[in-house]
Amino acid sequence: MKTLVVYYSKSGNTKAVAEAIAAAAGADTERIVEIGVKRDGFLGFLRSGRDGMRKRPSAIEAPKARAADYDCVIVGTPVWGWNLVPAIRSYLSSANLAGTRVAFFCTMGSSGYEKTFASMRQLAHGAELLGDLAIAQEELKDRSVLHNRIAAWLDSIGVAANEHHRAE
């Protein structure tokens, strides 16, 4: 199965999970790049949370990969203000996912995944939704636990995990 993992990451947590999923599934990756917004420092942190809560989209670079070229697209986001980030909101709003098998994952400090996944499902018009995976920041500390959770989740959504990954 040809799989694409699409993600946005500011701190690196979502990138780490995206790369672990891609390695386990033998998938391609596409990092969504936000343009025109400053998210660094304390003011950037506040702006990020506000934009997440207000469900604002942002300008993003045009993705290089086309969802239609894949059997499955896995989309990942951090949770900001109990919702998905503006860049992933923009990606899901503009990507044609109709008829595509789609799964979601998020990384978070401790909460907010319910609203995040609800928003993602709403934006994925016409997609065949496979399932969600929420990873709390605390869970990123134990690599073997994270890898086992990813392998079990991939199995549950019908994306075969590589045998090498299961052994880690």
Foldseek 3Di string as FASTA:
>chain_A
DAEEEEEEDDPCPQVVLSVLLCQFQVYHYWYKAFPDQDLDDDVSLVVFLVCFLVVAAGDIDDIPDAQVVGQEYEYEAERHVLAGTNRVSVVLQPHQQAAHEYEYEYEYQPDNVVRHVVSSVVSNPNHNYQYYYYHYPVNVVDVLSSLCVSQVSCVSSVRHTDPVSPVD
